[in-house]
Amino acid sequence: MKKLTEFFKANRGTQARLAETLGLRPSTISQWKAVPVEHLAEVEQFTGIPREELLPEAFRAARETAA
């Protein structure tokens, strides 16, 4: 979520535009603790931030999660 927050700070107005793109309210996005999986591909496309960086816990290597 840190990368997305930094993106919003560096690009004023993008949170509202992303919310509109997703059919959500900006306040909904501001309450996210992590990008929901169902919106991950669209957020990646909108921001250019790779999904592995948007939701790293979902993309950990199998050996890391087995430990």
N, C-alpha and C. Protein backbone atom coordinates (compact mmCIF):
# COMPACT_ATOMS: atom_id res chain seq x y z
N MET A 1 0.82 -1.18 0.00
CA MET A 1 0.00 0.00 0.00
C MET A 1 0.87 1.26 0.00
N LYS A 2 2.10 1.10 0.48
CA LYS A 2 3.00 2.24 0.53
C LYS A 2 3.26 2.82 -0.86
N LYS A 3 3.48 1.95 -1.83
CA LYS A 3 3.74 2.42 -3.20
C LYS A 3 2.54 3.18 -3.76
N LEU A 4 1.35 2.67 -3.50
CA LEU A 4 0.14 3.32 -4.00
C LEU A 4 -0.06 4.67 -3.32
N THR A 5 0.16 4.75 -2.03
CA THR A 5 0.05 6.00 -1.29
C THR A 5 1.04 7.03 -1.83
N GLU A 6 2.27 6.60 -2.09
CA GLU A 6 3.28 7.49 -2.65
C GLU A 6 2.85 7.98 -4.04
N PHE A 7 2.28 7.09 -4.83
CA PHE A 7 1.79 7.45 -6.16
C PHE A 7 0.73 8.54 -6.06
N PHE A 8 -0.23 8.38 -5.15
CA PHE A 8 -1.28 9.37 -4.97
C PHE A 8 -0.71 10.72 -4.53
N LYS A 9 0.27 10.70 -3.63
CA LYS A 9 0.87 11.95 -3.15
C LYS A 9 1.61 12.68 -4.27
N ALA A 10 2.27 11.92 -5.13
CA ALA A 10 3.05 12.50 -6.21
C ALA A 10 2.18 12.94 -7.39
N ASN A 11 0.98 12.40 -7.47
CA ASN A 11 0.10 12.67 -8.62
C ASN A 11 -1.27 13.10 -8.11
N ARG A 12 -1.40 14.37 -7.79
CA ARG A 12 -2.66 14.88 -7.22
C ARG A 12 -3.85 14.56 -8.12
N GLY A 13 -4.94 14.19 -7.48
CA GLY A 13 -6.18 13.92 -8.19
C GLY A 13 -6.32 12.50 -8.71
N THR A 14 -5.25 11.72 -8.64
CA THR A 14 -5.31 10.38 -9.21
C THR A 14 -6.15 9.42 -8.38
N GLN A 15 -6.24 9.64 -7.09
CA GLN A 15 -7.07 8.76 -6.26
C GLN A 15 -8.53 8.87 -6.70
N ALA A 16 -8.99 10.08 -6.94
CA ALA A 16 -10.37 10.28 -7.39
C ALA A 16 -10.59 9.68 -8.78
N ARG A 17 -9.61 9.83 -9.66
CA ARG A 17 -9.74 9.25 -11.01
C ARG A 17 -9.72 7.73 -10.96
N LEU A 18 -8.87 7.17 -10.10
CA LEU A 18 -8.84 5.71 -9.96
C LEU A 18 -10.18 5.22 -9.41
N ALA A 19 -10.70 5.91 -8.43
CA ALA A 19 -12.00 5.53 -7.85
C ALA A 19 -13.08 5.54 -8.93
N GLU A 20 -13.08 6.56 -9.76
CA GLU A 20 -14.06 6.64 -10.84
C GLU A 20 -13.89 5.48 -11.82
N THR A 21 -12.65 5.17 -12.15
CA THR A 21 -12.36 4.05 -13.05
C THR A 21 -12.87 2.73 -12.49
N LEU A 22 -12.73 2.57 -11.18
CA LEU A 22 -13.14 1.31 -10.53
C LEU A 22 -14.61 1.30 -10.13
N GLY A 23 -15.28 2.44 -10.28
CA GLY A 23 -16.67 2.53 -9.87
C GLY A 23 -16.83 2.59 -8.36
N LEU A 24 -15.84 3.17 -7.69
CA LEU A 24 -15.83 3.28 -6.23
C LEU A 24 -15.78 4.75 -5.82
N ARG A 25 -15.95 4.98 -4.54
CA ARG A 25 -15.78 6.32 -3.99
C ARG A 25 -14.32 6.49 -3.56
N PRO A 26 -13.77 7.69 -3.68
CA PRO A 26 -12.39 7.91 -3.24
C PRO A 26 -12.18 7.51 -1.77
N SER A 27 -13.20 7.71 -0.95
CA SER A 27 -13.07 7.35 0.47
C SER A 27 -12.90 5.84 0.65
N THR A 28 -13.47 5.05 -0.25
CA THR A 28 -13.30 3.60 -0.19
C THR A 28 -11.84 3.23 -0.40
N ILE A 29 -11.22 3.86 -1.38
CA ILE A 29 -9.81 3.58 -1.67
C ILE A 29 -8.93 4.05 -0.51
N SER A 30 -9.26 5.17 0.08
CA SER A 30 -8.43 5.68 1.18
C SER A 30 -8.51 4.77 2.41
N GLN A 31 -9.52 3.93 2.50
CA GLN A 31 -9.66 3.01 3.63
C GLN A 31 -8.97 1.67 3.40
N TRP A 32 -8.50 1.42 2.20
CA TRP A 32 -7.83 0.15 1.91
C TRP A 32 -6.59 -0.01 2.77
N LYS A 33 -6.43 -1.17 3.37
CA LYS A 33 -5.18 -1.53 4.06
C LYS A 33 -4.23 -2.19 3.05
N ALA A 34 -4.83 -2.81 2.03
CA ALA A 34 -4.10 -3.43 0.92
C ALA A 34 -5.02 -3.37 -0.29
N VAL A 35 -4.45 -3.42 -1.48
CA VAL A 35 -5.26 -3.40 -2.70
C VAL A 35 -6.02 -4.73 -2.78
N PRO A 36 -7.35 -4.68 -2.85
CA PRO A 36 -8.12 -5.92 -2.97
C PRO A 36 -7.76 -6.66 -4.26
N VAL A 37 -7.67 -7.95 -4.17
CA VAL A 37 -7.28 -8.78 -5.31
C VAL A 37 -8.17 -8.53 -6.52
N GLU A 38 -9.46 -8.30 -6.28
CA GLU A 38 -10.38 -8.11 -7.41
C GLU A 38 -10.11 -6.81 -8.17
N HIS A 39 -9.35 -5.89 -7.59
CA HIS A 39 -9.02 -4.63 -8.26
C HIS A 39 -7.54 -4.55 -8.66
N LEU A 40 -6.79 -5.58 -8.37
CA LEU A 40 -5.34 -5.54 -8.54
C LEU A 40 -4.91 -5.26 -9.98
N ALA A 41 -5.47 -5.96 -10.94
CA ALA A 41 -5.07 -5.77 -12.34
C ALA A 41 -5.39 -4.35 -12.83
N GLU A 42 -6.56 -3.84 -12.45
CA GLU A 42 -6.95 -2.49 -12.89
C GLU A 42 -6.08 -1.42 -12.23
N VAL A 43 -5.75 -1.61 -10.95
CA VAL A 43 -4.90 -0.65 -10.26
C VAL A 43 -3.49 -0.68 -10.87
N GLU A 44 -3.00 -1.87 -11.19
CA GLU A 44 -1.70 -1.99 -11.84
C GLU A 44 -1.69 -1.25 -13.17
N GLN A 45 -2.72 -1.45 -13.97
CA GLN A 45 -2.80 -0.80 -15.28
C GLN A 45 -2.90 0.72 -15.13
N PHE A 46 -3.70 1.18 -14.19
CA PHE A 46 -3.91 2.62 -13.99
C PHE A 46 -2.64 3.31 -13.50
N THR A 47 -1.94 2.69 -12.54
CA THR A 47 -0.79 3.34 -11.91
C THR A 47 0.55 3.02 -12.55
N GLY A 48 0.62 1.86 -13.19
CA GLY A 48 1.90 1.41 -13.73
C GLY A 48 2.77 0.74 -12.67
N ILE A 49 2.25 0.58 -11.47
CA ILE A 49 2.97 -0.09 -10.39
C ILE A 49 2.73 -1.58 -10.52
N PRO A 50 3.78 -2.40 -10.63
CA PRO A 50 3.58 -3.84 -10.79
C PRO A 50 2.79 -4.45 -9.63
N ARG A 51 1.93 -5.41 -9.94
CA ARG A 51 1.09 -6.02 -8.91
C ARG A 51 1.91 -6.65 -7.80
N GLU A 52 3.13 -7.10 -8.11
CA GLU A 52 4.00 -7.67 -7.09
C GLU A 52 4.38 -6.63 -6.04
N GLU A 53 4.40 -5.36 -6.43
CA GLU A 53 4.70 -4.28 -5.50
C GLU A 53 3.44 -3.76 -4.81
N LEU A 54 2.31 -3.86 -5.49
CA LEU A 54 1.05 -3.42 -4.90
C LEU A 54 0.57 -4.36 -3.80
N LEU A 55 0.81 -5.67 -4.00
CA LEU A 55 0.35 -6.67 -3.05
C LEU A 55 1.42 -7.75 -2.90
N PRO A 56 2.56 -7.38 -2.31
CA PRO A 56 3.70 -8.31 -2.26
C PRO A 56 3.41 -9.61 -1.51
N GLU A 57 2.53 -9.56 -0.49
CA GLU A 57 2.26 -10.77 0.28
C GLU A 57 1.58 -11.85 -0.57
N ALA A 58 0.95 -11.47 -1.64
CA ALA A 58 0.30 -12.45 -2.52
C ALA A 58 1.28 -13.07 -3.51
N PHE A 59 2.47 -12.50 -3.63
CA PHE A 59 3.42 -12.95 -4.63
C PHE A 59 4.74 -13.43 -4.03
N ARG A 60 4.73 -13.77 -2.76
CA ARG A 60 5.95 -14.30 -2.14
C ARG A 60 6.27 -15.65 -2.74
N ALA A 61 7.53 -15.94 -2.81
CA ALA A 61 7.95 -17.26 -3.30
C ALA A 61 7.45 -18.33 -2.34
N ALA A 62 7.14 -19.50 -2.88
CA ALA A 62 6.60 -20.59 -2.07
C ALA A 62 7.54 -20.94 -0.90
N ARG A 63 8.83 -20.89 -1.13
CA ARG A 63 9.77 -21.25 -0.05
C ARG A 63 9.71 -20.25 1.09
N GLU A 64 9.36 -18.99 0.81
CA GLU A 64 9.26 -17.99 1.87
C GLU A 64 8.03 -18.23 2.73
N THR A 65 6.92 -18.64 2.12
CA THR A 65 5.70 -18.85 2.87
C THR A 65 5.71 -20.16 3.63
N ALA A 66 6.53 -21.12 3.20
CA ALA A 66 6.60 -22.43 3.86
C ALA A 66 7.42 -22.36 5.14
N ALA A 67 8.25 -21.38 5.26
CA ALA A 67 9.14 -21.27 6.43
C ALA A 67 8.44 -20.90 7.69
